[in-house]
Amino acid sequence: MTAVSPASPASPASPAAWRRRLPGWVQRWGPLLGPVVFAVADALLVNGVTLGLELNVSLVAAAALLLRRRFPAPVFLVTLPGILIGYIWFAPMIALYTVAERRPGPRLLGVSALLLAAAHFVPWPVSDFEPTAYRENTLTLIDACITSVGPIALGLLVRTRGELAARLDDLTRSRRRADELIAEQVLSTERARLAREMHDVVAHQVSLISLQAGAVQISADDAQAREGARTIRELSVRTLDELRHMVGILRAAGGDLEQLTPQPRLADLPRLIELSALDVAYEEADDARRAGRPEAVERAAFRIVQEALTNVRKHAPGARVTVRVTEAAAEGRGLRVEVRNGPPDASAVAPGLPGGGHGLVGLRERAVLLGGTLRAERTEEGGFVVLADFPKVPPPRS
């Protein structure tokens, strides 16, 4: 949740918030006409209501403020006779403030400050200037410097505040966009995680159903039972084919983080092998059942065995399978998982299950993310071997 600065335009106490509470016509014309009204009042209070040179130049200076936003520097020059002849302050100070806010060049501001200070310091007519009135001249000079520096400082402050507010607004939008990107990334991760689980769990179970249905279709004596088994097998194959397309769509979103819970571990391998309907010899070393092994490693080991058995069922029906789970011999390694099968049995019926091509790729990704390795290759005997090594401690996720 993004905090909003008190100076932010979204803050209830900010000037922008107060302006939004005003009527529409005040918001539109107030900033333009307000300074003109003050300048006219200043001219009338100082010079009276009788037309003359002093009042005329003062009113012209006040009227020129209507164009101060479009032509800040020329309007400032027009207001200088007002302070020199008419002794007004509001019009030239507002014009100088506008120059500082909209044209903050150092040279322009320096020249403008000198001109305003000179117009304030020099009396009108100029012949009334008394060079020997040191005290009065010093006080007037100090007053002239304050009159010229004050509007510049205020104008630069308002401009800086506006720039900071704009940057804060950009930062807020950037953070909001970053939050949206994070949400999209999380969604992509969930899609990829769902795809992985669908492939590991559903494909394995459906292929097992298809295999069992094929066995019933061959061994059943009743024609109706054979027809039902054939229907089950066809539906299983169709389900796996549709699942393959769905997994491809979901995996295209990318990403892989922690898997959904609850998840199987090494202790669930015997049950998996028992339900596989394959000729499997399971070997587990005593040191492999070590307490404190990371859950992610055990989960990946289970998935490797599960996917390897599914591939045996698809591509090597009737083959003998050996599953070994041992402590890795290589230094720095923690767990080794090996699934080795022989050549397929020529007399066994292939189930004809579709494949998505994502199984071994996904397993290799799991192993790499955990700091391990995975090899899958054919053997000299015509079989296939899947060998995975995992470290004792997986690397931290970045």
Protein backbone atom coordinates (compact mmCIF):
# COMPACT_ATOMS: atom_id res chain seq x y z
CA MET A 1 0.00 0.00 0.00
CA THR A 2 1.56 3.27 -1.12
CA ALA A 3 1.71 6.09 1.40
CA VAL A 4 0.71 9.52 0.19
CA SER A 5 2.78 12.51 1.19
CA PRO A 6 1.02 15.43 2.87
CA ALA A 7 2.14 17.57 -0.05
CA SER A 8 0.75 15.14 -2.60
CA PRO A 9 -2.17 16.30 -4.75
CA ALA A 10 -4.17 13.38 -3.35
CA SER A 11 -3.77 14.58 0.24
CA PRO A 12 -6.95 16.07 1.77
CA ALA A 13 -4.92 18.87 3.37
CA SER A 14 -3.10 19.91 0.18
CA PRO A 15 -3.86 23.22 -1.60
CA ALA A 16 -5.08 21.27 -4.63
CA ALA A 17 -7.67 19.55 -2.44
CA TRP A 18 -8.88 22.89 -1.08
CA ARG A 19 -9.15 24.31 -4.61
CA ARG A 20 -11.30 21.40 -5.69
CA ARG A 21 -13.82 22.33 -3.00
CA LEU A 22 -14.34 25.81 -4.50
CA PRO A 23 -17.01 26.54 -7.14
CA GLY A 24 -16.03 25.93 -10.74
CA TRP A 25 -15.95 29.59 -11.79
CA VAL A 26 -13.73 30.45 -8.83
CA GLN A 27 -11.30 27.68 -9.76
CA ARG A 28 -11.18 28.90 -13.37
CA TRP A 29 -11.04 32.70 -12.98
CA GLY A 30 -9.81 33.17 -9.42
CA PRO A 31 -6.08 32.61 -10.06
CA LEU A 32 -6.20 34.95 -13.08
CA LEU A 33 -8.36 37.81 -11.77
CA GLY A 34 -7.45 37.71 -8.07
CA PRO A 35 -3.99 39.32 -8.45
CA VAL A 36 -5.45 41.96 -10.81
CA VAL A 37 -8.06 42.92 -8.21
CA PHE A 38 -5.39 43.25 -5.50
CA ALA A 39 -3.17 45.33 -7.80
CA VAL A 40 -6.05 47.69 -8.69
CA ALA A 41 -6.91 48.09 -5.00
CA ASP A 42 -3.26 48.86 -4.25
CA ALA A 43 -3.18 51.51 -7.00
CA LEU A 44 -6.36 53.19 -5.73
CA LEU A 45 -5.24 53.18 -2.08
CA VAL A 46 -1.86 54.69 -2.90
CA ASN A 47 -2.80 57.19 -5.61
CA GLY A 48 -6.46 57.89 -4.91
CA VAL A 49 -9.28 57.82 -7.45
CA THR A 50 -8.31 60.95 -9.41
CA LEU A 51 -6.81 60.13 -12.79
CA GLY A 52 -3.26 61.29 -13.25
CA LEU A 53 0.15 59.97 -14.26
CA GLU A 54 0.67 57.98 -11.06
CA LEU A 55 -2.76 56.33 -11.14
CA ASN A 56 -2.63 55.72 -14.88
CA VAL A 57 0.69 53.84 -14.84
CA SER A 58 -0.49 51.92 -11.77
CA LEU A 59 -3.71 50.80 -13.46
CA VAL A 60 -1.83 49.81 -16.61
CA ALA A 61 0.51 47.71 -14.48
CA ALA A 62 -2.47 46.05 -12.80
CA ALA A 63 -4.20 45.35 -16.14
CA ALA A 64 -1.01 43.88 -17.61
CA LEU A 65 -1.19 41.08 -15.03
CA LEU A 66 -3.93 39.49 -17.14
CA LEU A 67 -1.19 38.42 -19.58
CA ARG A 68 1.45 37.50 -17.01
CA ARG A 69 1.22 33.72 -17.61
CA ARG A 70 1.68 34.01 -21.39
CA PHE A 71 4.28 36.81 -21.38
CA PRO A 72 5.84 36.88 -17.88
CA ALA A 73 8.98 38.90 -18.71
CA PRO A 74 7.30 41.64 -20.85
CA VAL A 75 4.52 42.02 -18.29
CA PHE A 76 7.12 42.50 -15.57
CA LEU A 77 8.74 45.29 -17.55
CA VAL A 78 5.34 46.97 -17.99
CA THR A 79 4.77 46.93 -14.22
CA LEU A 80 8.09 48.64 -13.37
CA PRO A 81 6.80 52.19 -14.01
CA GLY A 82 4.01 51.43 -11.54
CA ILE A 83 6.46 51.03 -8.64
CA LEU A 84 8.75 53.80 -9.88
CA ILE A 85 6.06 56.43 -10.51
CA GLY A 86 2.95 55.19 -8.74
CA TYR A 87 4.67 53.62 -5.70
CA ILE A 88 2.61 50.44 -5.94
CA TRP A 89 4.02 47.08 -4.85
CA PHE A 90 1.55 44.35 -5.71
CA ALA A 91 1.69 44.47 -9.52
CA PRO A 92 5.51 44.34 -9.96
CA MET A 93 5.98 41.77 -7.17
CA ILE A 94 3.30 39.48 -8.62
CA ALA A 95 4.84 39.86 -12.08
CA LEU A 96 8.30 39.01 -10.71
CA TYR A 97 6.84 35.98 -8.90
CA THR A 98 5.38 34.79 -12.21
CA VAL A 99 8.76 35.18 -13.93
CA ALA A 100 10.44 33.08 -11.22
CA GLU A 101 7.75 30.40 -11.44
CA ARG A 102 7.63 30.11 -15.24
CA ARG A 103 11.02 31.36 -16.48
CA PRO A 104 13.49 30.39 -13.75
CA GLY A 105 16.64 31.28 -15.70
CA PRO A 106 19.42 32.65 -13.45
CA ARG A 107 20.26 35.57 -15.76
CA LEU A 108 16.66 36.62 -16.27
CA LEU A 109 15.93 36.42 -12.54
CA GLY A 110 19.09 38.35 -11.68
CA VAL A 111 18.34 41.16 -14.13
CA SER A 112 14.69 41.28 -13.04
CA ALA A 113 15.67 41.52 -9.37
CA LEU A 114 18.08 44.39 -10.10
CA LEU A 115 15.46 46.26 -12.13
CA LEU A 116 12.81 45.94 -9.43
CA ALA A 117 15.26 46.96 -6.69
CA ALA A 118 16.36 49.99 -8.74
CA ALA A 119 12.76 51.03 -9.49
CA HIS A 120 11.95 50.78 -5.80
CA PHE A 121 15.10 52.55 -4.62
CA VAL A 122 15.17 55.50 -7.06
CA PRO A 123 12.51 58.15 -6.24
CA TRP A 124 10.23 59.88 -8.72
CA PRO A 125 11.09 62.41 -9.96
CA VAL A 126 14.74 61.39 -9.96
CA SER A 127 15.78 64.95 -9.03
CA ASP A 128 14.42 64.33 -5.53
CA PHE A 129 17.16 61.80 -4.78
CA GLU A 130 19.36 62.92 -1.86
CA PRO A 131 22.75 61.15 -1.97
CA THR A 132 23.65 62.45 1.52
CA ALA A 133 20.60 60.91 3.23
CA TYR A 134 22.57 57.82 4.17
CA ARG A 135 20.17 56.43 6.74
CA GLU A 136 17.08 56.84 4.61
CA ASN A 137 18.86 55.52 1.50
CA THR A 138 20.14 52.46 3.38
CA LEU A 139 16.70 51.58 4.71
CA THR A 140 15.19 52.08 1.28
CA LEU A 141 17.87 49.88 -0.31
CA ILE A 142 17.24 47.11 2.20
CA ASP A 143 13.52 47.39 1.56
CA ALA A 144 14.13 47.31 -2.21
CA CYS A 145 16.29 44.16 -1.93
CA ILE A 146 13.65 42.37 0.14
CA THR A 147 10.95 43.45 -2.31
CA SER A 148 12.90 41.95 -5.24
CA VAL A 149 14.24 38.78 -3.58
CA GLY A 150 11.01 37.73 -1.85
CA PRO A 151 8.89 37.12 -5.00
CA ILE A 152 11.75 35.24 -6.64
CA ALA A 153 12.19 32.95 -3.65
CA LEU A 154 8.45 32.29 -3.43
CA GLY A 155 8.17 31.65 -7.17
CA LEU A 156 11.06 29.17 -7.15
CA LEU A 157 9.59 27.45 -4.10
CA VAL A 158 6.20 27.02 -5.77
CA ARG A 159 7.81 25.76 -8.98
CA THR A 160 9.95 23.26 -7.06
CA ARG A 161 6.91 22.08 -5.13
CA GLY A 162 5.01 21.57 -8.39
CA GLU A 163 7.90 19.56 -9.85
CA LEU A 164 8.10 17.41 -6.72
CA ALA A 165 4.34 16.83 -6.82
CA ALA A 166 4.60 15.77 -10.48
CA ARG A 167 7.46 13.40 -9.69
CA LEU A 168 5.55 11.98 -6.77
CA ASP A 169 2.58 11.40 -9.04
CA ASP A 170 4.84 9.66 -11.56
CA LEU A 171 6.32 7.54 -8.78
CA THR A 172 2.85 6.59 -7.58
CA ARG A 173 1.85 5.54 -11.08
CA SER A 174 5.09 3.60 -11.46
CA ARG A 175 4.49 1.76 -8.19
CA ARG A 176 0.94 1.00 -9.23
CA ARG A 177 2.21 -0.37 -12.52
CA ALA A 178 4.85 -2.40 -10.66
CA ASP A 179 2.11 -3.87 -8.46
CA GLU A 180 0.16 -4.81 -11.57
CA LEU A 181 3.24 -6.47 -13.07
CA ILE A 182 3.84 -8.38 -9.85
CA ALA A 183 0.22 -9.54 -9.88
CA GLU A 184 0.61 -10.68 -13.49
CA GLN A 185 3.83 -12.50 -12.57
CA VAL A 186 2.10 -14.23 -9.67
CA LEU A 187 -0.70 -15.28 -12.00
CA SER A 188 1.81 -16.66 -14.49
CA THR A 189 3.55 -18.54 -11.70
CA GLU A 190 0.29 -20.05 -10.54
CA ARG A 191 -0.50 -21.14 -14.09
CA ALA A 192 2.88 -22.80 -14.50
CA ARG A 193 2.57 -24.43 -11.09
CA LEU A 194 -0.87 -25.75 -11.96
CA ALA A 195 0.45 -27.08 -15.26
CA ARG A 196 3.25 -28.90 -13.47
CA GLU A 197 0.88 -30.49 -10.99
CA MET A 198 -1.58 -31.46 -13.70
CA HIS A 199 1.16 -33.15 -15.67
CA ASP A 200 2.69 -34.93 -12.69
CA VAL A 201 -0.52 -36.09 -11.01
CA VAL A 202 -3.36 -36.28 -13.52
CA ALA A 203 -1.35 -37.67 -16.41
CA HIS A 204 0.08 -40.41 -14.22
CA GLN A 205 -3.30 -41.43 -12.84
CA VAL A 206 -5.12 -41.30 -16.18
CA SER A 207 -2.41 -43.32 -17.91
CA LEU A 208 -2.71 -45.89 -15.14
CA ILE A 209 -6.48 -46.05 -15.71
CA SER A 210 -5.90 -46.53 -19.43
CA LEU A 211 -3.41 -49.33 -18.81
CA GLN A 212 -5.76 -51.14 -16.46
CA ALA A 213 -8.62 -50.74 -18.94
CA GLY A 214 -6.45 -52.22 -21.68
CA ALA A 215 -5.65 -55.21 -19.50
CA VAL A 216 -9.36 -55.76 -18.77
CA GLN A 217 -10.16 -55.47 -22.46
CA ILE A 218 -7.72 -58.28 -23.28
CA SER A 219 -8.51 -60.61 -20.40
CA ALA A 220 -12.29 -60.22 -20.02
CA ASP A 221 -14.52 -62.99 -21.42
CA ASP A 222 -17.72 -60.95 -21.40
CA ALA A 223 -18.23 -58.87 -24.56
CA GLN A 224 -19.98 -56.10 -22.65
CA ALA A 225 -17.08 -55.87 -20.18
CA ARG A 226 -14.60 -55.70 -23.06
CA GLU A 227 -16.63 -52.95 -24.71
CA GLY A 228 -16.75 -50.98 -21.45
CA ALA A 229 -13.01 -51.37 -20.97
CA ARG A 230 -12.42 -50.22 -24.54
CA THR A 231 -14.58 -47.15 -23.95
CA ILE A 232 -12.70 -46.35 -20.73
CA ARG A 233 -9.38 -46.67 -22.52
CA GLU A 234 -10.48 -44.40 -25.38
CA LEU A 235 -11.75 -41.78 -22.95
CA SER A 236 -8.47 -41.95 -21.03
CA VAL A 237 -6.46 -41.41 -24.18
CA ARG A 238 -8.70 -38.49 -25.19
CA THR A 239 -8.40 -36.97 -21.72
CA LEU A 240 -4.61 -37.16 -21.85
CA ASP A 241 -4.60 -35.55 -25.28
CA GLU A 242 -6.74 -32.63 -24.04
CA LEU A 243 -4.60 -32.39 -20.94
CA ARG A 244 -1.49 -32.10 -23.10
CA HIS A 245 -2.93 -29.04 -24.88
CA MET A 246 -3.99 -27.44 -21.60
CA VAL A 247 -0.59 -28.01 -20.03
CA GLY A 248 1.06 -26.38 -23.04
CA ILE A 249 -1.13 -23.29 -22.68
CA LEU A 250 -0.54 -23.00 -18.95
CA ARG A 251 3.20 -23.59 -19.17
CA ALA A 252 3.51 -20.84 -21.75
CA ALA A 253 2.87 -18.35 -18.94
CA GLY A 254 6.22 -19.33 -17.42
CA GLY A 255 7.49 -19.29 -13.86
CA ASP A 256 7.95 -21.93 -11.19
CA LEU A 257 7.95 -21.37 -7.44
CA GLU A 258 6.99 -23.52 -4.47
CA GLN A 259 4.47 -26.21 -5.35
CA LEU A 260 0.96 -26.57 -4.01
CA THR A 261 0.43 -28.34 -0.73
CA PRO A 262 0.01 -31.01 0.47
CA GLN A 263 2.60 -32.74 -1.73
CA PRO A 264 4.04 -36.27 -1.78
CA ARG A 265 7.49 -37.13 -0.42
CA LEU A 266 9.90 -40.08 -0.54
CA ALA A 267 7.83 -42.01 1.98
CA ASP A 268 5.04 -42.17 -0.63
CA LEU A 269 7.16 -43.92 -3.26
CA PRO A 270 6.24 -47.51 -2.22
CA ARG A 271 2.56 -46.74 -2.60
CA LEU A 272 3.19 -45.12 -6.00
CA ILE A 273 5.10 -48.20 -7.20
CA GLU A 274 2.45 -50.54 -5.86
CA LEU A 275 -0.24 -48.78 -7.89
CA SER A 276 1.86 -48.46 -11.05
CA ALA A 277 0.89 -51.90 -12.44
CA LEU A 278 4.48 -52.31 -13.62
CA ASP A 279 7.21 -54.83 -12.81
CA VAL A 280 9.22 -52.55 -10.50
CA ALA A 281 12.05 -53.41 -8.14
CA TYR A 282 12.43 -50.68 -5.50
CA GLU A 283 15.74 -50.17 -3.71
CA GLU A 284 16.21 -47.53 -1.03
CA ALA A 285 19.45 -47.15 0.90
CA ASP A 286 19.26 -46.64 4.64
CA ASP A 287 21.10 -43.32 4.45
CA ALA A 288 18.61 -42.03 1.86
CA ARG A 289 15.81 -41.92 4.43
CA ARG A 290 17.63 -39.19 6.31
CA ALA A 291 15.67 -36.81 8.53
CA GLY A 292 15.79 -33.11 7.80
CA ARG A 293 15.99 -33.44 4.04
CA PRO A 294 14.39 -30.40 2.33
CA GLU A 295 10.79 -30.97 1.32
CA ALA A 296 11.41 -29.54 -2.14
CA VAL A 297 14.10 -32.17 -2.82
CA GLU A 298 11.89 -35.06 -1.69
CA ARG A 299 9.00 -33.73 -3.73
CA ALA A 300 11.16 -33.43 -6.85
CA ALA A 301 12.49 -36.99 -6.31
CA PHE A 302 8.94 -38.32 -6.09
CA ARG A 303 7.93 -36.50 -9.27
CA ILE A 304 10.94 -37.87 -11.14
CA VAL A 305 10.00 -41.44 -10.26
CA GLN A 306 6.36 -40.75 -11.10
CA GLU A 307 7.17 -39.28 -14.52
CA ALA A 308 9.68 -42.03 -15.31
CA LEU A 309 7.10 -44.74 -14.55
CA THR A 310 4.57 -42.93 -16.74
CA ASN A 311 7.09 -42.87 -19.60
CA VAL A 312 7.81 -46.58 -19.15
CA ARG A 313 4.10 -47.28 -19.35
CA LYS A 314 3.87 -45.23 -22.58
CA HIS A 315 7.03 -46.23 -24.42
CA ALA A 316 8.26 -49.53 -22.92
CA PRO A 317 5.25 -51.67 -21.99
CA GLY A 318 6.16 -54.88 -20.19
CA ALA A 319 9.71 -53.71 -19.37
CA ARG A 320 11.28 -54.44 -16.02
CA VAL A 321 11.98 -51.30 -13.97
CA THR A 322 14.45 -50.63 -11.17
CA VAL A 323 14.02 -47.64 -8.89
CA ARG A 324 16.96 -46.72 -6.65
CA VAL A 325 17.03 -43.95 -4.08
CA THR A 326 20.46 -43.57 -2.49
CA GLU A 327 22.79 -41.04 -0.96
CA ALA A 328 24.81 -39.47 -3.78
CA ALA A 329 28.42 -40.57 -3.89
CA ALA A 330 29.76 -37.33 -5.35
CA GLU A 331 31.07 -34.79 -2.88
CA GLY A 332 28.60 -32.08 -2.06
CA ARG A 333 25.62 -34.11 -3.30
CA GLY A 334 22.81 -35.23 -1.06
CA LEU A 335 20.34 -37.51 -2.86
CA ARG A 336 20.48 -39.64 -6.00
CA VAL A 337 17.38 -40.96 -7.76
CA GLU A 338 17.76 -43.55 -10.51
CA VAL A 339 14.97 -45.09 -12.58
CA ARG A 340 16.22 -47.70 -15.06
CA ASN A 341 14.11 -49.84 -17.33
CA GLY A 342 14.95 -52.58 -19.77
CA PRO A 343 13.71 -53.00 -23.33
CA PRO A 344 9.96 -53.29 -23.88
CA ASP A 345 8.31 -56.68 -24.00
CA ALA A 346 7.42 -57.51 -27.58
CA SER A 347 4.33 -59.40 -26.46
CA ALA A 348 2.95 -56.49 -24.40
CA VAL A 349 0.34 -54.22 -25.92
CA ALA A 350 1.36 -50.55 -26.12
CA PRO A 351 -1.33 -48.33 -24.58
CA GLY A 352 -0.97 -45.68 -27.28
CA LEU A 353 -1.06 -42.80 -24.78
CA PRO A 354 -0.37 -39.27 -26.10
CA GLY A 355 2.64 -37.34 -24.88
CA GLY A 356 3.04 -33.60 -24.46
CA GLY A 357 6.83 -33.50 -24.47
CA HIS A 358 6.93 -31.55 -21.19
CA GLY A 359 7.69 -34.32 -18.69
CA LEU A 360 11.46 -34.62 -18.82
CA VAL A 361 11.83 -30.91 -19.57
CA GLY A 362 9.88 -30.06 -16.43
CA LEU A 363 11.87 -32.54 -14.34
CA ARG A 364 15.15 -31.09 -15.55
CA GLU A 365 13.88 -27.60 -14.64
CA ARG A 366 13.02 -28.82 -11.14
CA ALA A 367 16.46 -30.31 -10.67
CA VAL A 368 18.27 -27.19 -11.88
CA LEU A 369 16.19 -24.92 -9.63
CA LEU A 370 17.23 -27.06 -6.66
CA GLY A 371 20.91 -26.94 -7.64
CA GLY A 372 20.90 -30.48 -9.00
CA THR A 373 21.27 -32.27 -12.32
CA LEU A 374 19.18 -34.70 -14.33
CA ARG A 375 20.24 -37.05 -17.14
CA ALA A 376 17.90 -39.07 -19.32
CA GLU A 377 19.38 -41.38 -21.97
CA ARG A 378 19.06 -44.74 -23.60
CA THR A 379 21.04 -47.71 -22.32
CA GLU A 380 23.08 -50.24 -24.27
CA GLU A 381 20.50 -52.93 -23.47
CA GLY A 382 17.80 -51.00 -25.32
CA GLY A 383 16.22 -49.53 -22.24
CA PHE A 384 16.20 -46.08 -20.70
CA VAL A 385 17.65 -44.51 -17.57
CA VAL A 386 16.76 -41.34 -15.69
CA LEU A 387 19.39 -40.24 -13.17
CA ALA A 388 19.01 -37.18 -10.91
CA ASP A 389 21.36 -35.81 -8.24
CA PHE A 390 20.33 -33.22 -5.66
CA PRO A 391 22.53 -31.23 -3.23
CA LYS A 392 22.23 -31.53 0.51
CA VAL A 393 21.04 -27.93 0.77
CA PRO A 394 19.24 -26.34 -2.22
CA PRO A 395 20.41 -22.84 -3.22
CA PRO A 396 18.27 -19.95 -1.98
CA ARG A 397 15.63 -18.57 -4.34
CA SER A 398 16.39 -15.12 -5.73
